[in-house]
Amino acid sequence: MSRILNLISIQLRKDFTACGGISRLPLRTISCTPSKHAEEGDASSVLRRRWKDTADTVIIGGGCVGVSLAYHLAKGGTKDVVLLEKSELTAGSTWHAAGLTTYYHPGINLKKVHFDSIKLYESLEAETGQAVGFHQPGSVRIASTAARVDEMKYQMTRTHWHVTPQYLIGPEKVQDLFPLLNIDK
């Protein structure tokens, strides 16, 4: 593992140097010391025996994309996947994106990504035994022009690709669902 981290550090230094000017910035060397973990007991000794100096796949960054990539590669049968994160998983900008998982999306491909993601999140706790805190409060999309209403109607005709509950509602129902919204404007 330490060899992987050092190789990544060396490559990052080369990349920064090639950019010109950046090479003057102080760079931190990435390192990992398995001996530091030796005092932690049996679990770490098992982990220490499994550490290797190489990996087939190294993912840098434990945000939603990095974690998802590692999960799907492992689920697909890739054996040698290493995920590197400098802090905590999803501690960066990922946690800002709460609530962005929705069935509604105008693009066919992203609609499929959203659909598949929601289905995955619904099953993760049963699969892993770990509560992920996923809840689905729903969402309301506001159309303030006739053209936007037409677009929403068109999008709803495309839901047969991924059957999802979508309804076209009027201003009164929107007001019931979200009383803070000023529908007079």
Protein backbone atom coordinates (compact mmCIF):
# COMPACT_ATOMS: atom_id res chain seq x y z
CA MET A 1 0.00 0.00 0.00
CA SER A 2 2.79 2.43 0.87
CA ARG A 3 4.37 1.76 -2.54
CA ILE A 4 1.10 2.67 -4.28
CA LEU A 5 0.82 5.89 -2.31
CA ASN A 6 4.43 6.83 -3.02
CA LEU A 7 4.01 6.14 -6.75
CA ILE A 8 0.92 8.35 -6.79
CA SER A 9 2.81 11.07 -4.92
CA ILE A 10 5.70 10.89 -7.42
CA GLN A 11 3.30 11.08 -10.38
CA LEU A 12 1.47 14.04 -8.83
CA ARG A 13 4.80 15.85 -8.41
CA LYS A 14 5.63 15.19 -12.08
CA ASP A 15 2.19 16.44 -13.16
CA PHE A 16 2.50 19.58 -11.05
CA THR A 17 6.01 20.24 -12.35
CA ALA A 18 4.81 19.88 -15.95
CA CYS A 19 2.21 22.60 -15.30
CA GLY A 20 4.93 25.19 -14.58
CA GLY A 21 4.74 27.52 -11.63
CA ILE A 22 2.90 24.99 -9.51
CA SER A 23 6.15 23.16 -8.79
CA ARG A 24 7.12 25.93 -6.37
CA LEU A 25 4.20 25.08 -4.11
CA PRO A 26 5.02 22.83 -1.15
CA LEU A 27 3.76 19.32 -1.86
CA ARG A 28 2.90 16.81 0.80
CA THR A 29 4.20 13.28 0.41
CA ILE A 30 1.49 10.69 0.78
CA SER A 31 2.52 7.83 3.04
CA CYS A 32 1.05 4.97 4.96
CA THR A 33 2.73 3.13 7.79
CA PRO A 34 1.27 -0.27 8.66
CA SER A 35 3.37 -0.40 11.85
CA LYS A 36 1.29 2.47 13.23
CA HIS A 37 -1.73 0.19 13.12
CA ALA A 38 0.02 -2.82 14.70
CA GLU A 39 -1.01 -1.87 18.24
CA GLU A 40 -4.71 -1.91 17.36
CA GLY A 41 -5.14 -5.68 17.72
CA ASP A 42 -6.14 -8.65 15.62
CA ALA A 43 -8.20 -6.79 13.03
CA SER A 44 -5.26 -4.64 12.00
CA SER A 45 -2.89 -7.61 11.86
CA VAL A 46 -5.26 -9.31 9.42
CA LEU A 47 -5.41 -6.10 7.42
CA ARG A 48 -1.61 -5.77 7.52
CA ARG A 49 -1.19 -9.27 6.06
CA ARG A 50 -3.52 -8.34 3.19
CA TRP A 51 -1.73 -5.09 2.23
CA LYS A 52 0.05 -5.19 -1.08
CA ASP A 53 2.41 -2.87 -2.90
CA THR A 54 0.35 -2.88 -6.10
CA ALA A 55 -3.29 -2.70 -7.14
CA ASP A 56 -5.10 -3.16 -10.42
CA THR A 57 -7.40 -0.21 -9.75
CA VAL A 58 -6.71 2.82 -7.56
CA ILE A 59 -9.50 5.34 -7.06
CA ILE A 60 -8.47 8.69 -5.65
CA GLY A 61 -11.23 10.47 -3.77
CA GLY A 62 -13.93 9.02 -1.54
CA GLY A 63 -16.77 11.24 -2.66
CA CYS A 64 -20.00 9.91 -4.09
CA VAL A 65 -18.38 9.15 -7.46
CA GLY A 66 -15.28 7.44 -6.03
CA VAL A 67 -17.25 5.37 -3.54
CA SER A 68 -19.82 4.44 -6.18
CA LEU A 69 -17.09 3.44 -8.60
CA ALA A 70 -15.39 1.24 -6.00
CA TYR A 71 -18.72 -0.35 -5.06
CA HIS A 72 -19.72 -1.13 -8.63
CA LEU A 73 -16.28 -2.45 -9.61
CA ALA A 74 -16.24 -4.77 -6.58
CA LYS A 75 -19.83 -5.87 -7.18
CA GLY A 76 -18.92 -6.54 -10.81
CA GLY A 77 -16.12 -8.88 -9.74
CA THR A 78 -13.02 -6.66 -9.85
CA LYS A 79 -10.83 -7.97 -7.03
CA ASP A 80 -8.00 -5.50 -6.63
CA VAL A 81 -9.64 -2.12 -5.96
CA VAL A 82 -8.13 0.46 -3.60
CA LEU A 83 -9.97 3.65 -2.62
CA LEU A 84 -7.83 6.49 -1.27
CA GLU A 85 -9.38 9.34 0.69
CA LYS A 86 -7.51 12.03 2.64
CA SER A 87 -10.27 12.62 5.16
CA GLU A 88 -13.62 10.88 5.64
CA LEU A 89 -15.73 9.29 2.95
CA THR A 90 -18.09 11.85 1.40
CA ALA A 91 -16.71 14.59 3.66
CA GLY A 92 -15.97 16.96 0.78
CA SER A 93 -18.55 18.44 -1.56
CA THR A 94 -20.66 15.26 -1.66
CA TRP A 95 -22.51 16.08 1.54
CA HIS A 96 -23.68 19.36 -0.02
CA ALA A 97 -25.62 17.43 -2.66
CA ALA A 98 -28.30 16.01 -0.35
CA GLY A 99 -31.69 15.95 -2.01
CA LEU A 100 -30.44 15.77 -5.57
CA THR A 101 -31.63 12.23 -6.12
CA THR A 102 -34.84 12.52 -8.05
CA TYR A 103 -36.76 10.57 -10.64
CA TYR A 104 -37.29 13.70 -12.72
CA HIS A 105 -34.63 14.57 -15.25
CA PRO A 106 -35.03 15.74 -18.84
CA GLY A 107 -32.10 13.71 -20.21
CA ILE A 108 -32.69 10.02 -20.95
CA ASN A 109 -29.26 8.90 -19.74
CA LEU A 110 -29.30 10.89 -16.50
CA LYS A 111 -32.87 9.78 -15.89
CA LYS A 112 -31.54 6.20 -16.00
CA VAL A 113 -28.64 7.07 -13.67
CA HIS A 114 -31.07 8.67 -11.21
CA PHE A 115 -33.48 5.71 -11.41
CA ASP A 116 -30.71 3.14 -10.91
CA SER A 117 -29.22 5.19 -8.04
CA ILE A 118 -32.53 5.40 -6.20
CA LYS A 119 -33.08 1.65 -6.59
CA LEU A 120 -29.54 1.03 -5.26
CA TYR A 121 -30.02 3.33 -2.25
CA GLU A 122 -33.31 1.59 -1.45
CA SER A 123 -31.54 -1.78 -1.28
CA LEU A 124 -28.20 -0.87 0.36
CA GLU A 125 -29.29 -1.32 3.96
CA ALA A 126 -30.64 -4.82 3.27
CA GLU A 127 -27.50 -5.70 1.29
CA THR A 128 -24.92 -4.35 3.73
CA GLY A 129 -26.67 -4.31 7.10
CA GLN A 130 -25.62 -0.64 7.38
CA ALA A 131 -28.27 2.07 7.65
CA VAL A 132 -27.57 4.70 5.00
CA GLY A 133 -30.24 7.20 6.05
CA PHE A 134 -31.86 7.33 2.62
CA HIS A 135 -35.37 8.73 2.64
CA GLN A 136 -37.53 9.91 -0.22
CA PRO A 137 -39.61 12.96 0.62
CA GLY A 138 -40.45 13.62 -3.04
CA SER A 139 -40.09 16.86 -4.91
CA VAL A 140 -42.15 19.54 -6.58
CA ARG A 141 -41.03 21.08 -9.88
CA ILE A 142 -42.48 24.50 -10.61
CA ALA A 143 -43.43 25.51 -14.15
CA SER A 144 -43.92 29.26 -14.35
CA THR A 145 -44.62 29.46 -18.11
CA ALA A 146 -46.81 27.57 -20.57
CA ALA A 147 -43.67 26.34 -22.35
CA ARG A 148 -42.37 24.78 -19.13
CA VAL A 149 -45.73 23.06 -18.56
CA ASP A 150 -45.49 21.62 -22.09
CA GLU A 151 -41.95 20.42 -21.36
CA MET A 152 -43.10 18.70 -18.17
CA LYS A 153 -45.96 17.00 -20.02
CA TYR A 154 -43.48 15.80 -22.64
CA GLN A 155 -41.13 14.48 -19.95
CA MET A 156 -43.98 12.61 -18.32
CA THR A 157 -44.65 10.77 -21.61
CA ARG A 158 -41.10 9.40 -21.37
CA THR A 159 -41.52 7.89 -17.89
CA HIS A 160 -42.50 4.52 -19.37
CA TRP A 161 -38.78 3.81 -19.73
CA HIS A 162 -38.50 3.86 -15.95
CA VAL A 163 -41.86 3.67 -14.27
CA THR A 164 -41.84 6.37 -11.62
CA PRO A 165 -44.63 8.15 -9.78
CA GLN A 166 -45.03 11.59 -11.38
CA TYR A 167 -48.09 13.78 -11.37
CA LEU A 168 -49.01 17.09 -12.91
CA ILE A 169 -50.62 19.19 -10.16
CA GLY A 170 -52.08 22.67 -10.05
CA PRO A 171 -51.14 25.70 -7.95
CA GLU A 172 -53.60 24.81 -5.17
CA LYS A 173 -52.00 21.40 -4.59
CA VAL A 174 -48.53 22.99 -4.71
CA GLN A 175 -49.69 25.43 -2.01
CA ASP A 176 -50.95 22.50 0.09
CA LEU A 177 -47.64 20.66 -0.24
CA PHE A 178 -45.47 23.74 0.31
CA PRO A 179 -47.37 26.49 2.18
CA LEU A 180 -44.34 28.83 2.30
CA LEU A 181 -44.40 29.30 -1.47
CA ASN A 182 -46.03 32.50 -2.67
CA ILE A 183 -48.06 31.31 -5.64
CA ASP A 184 -49.40 34.80 -6.37
CA LYS A 185 -46.07 35.76 -7.95
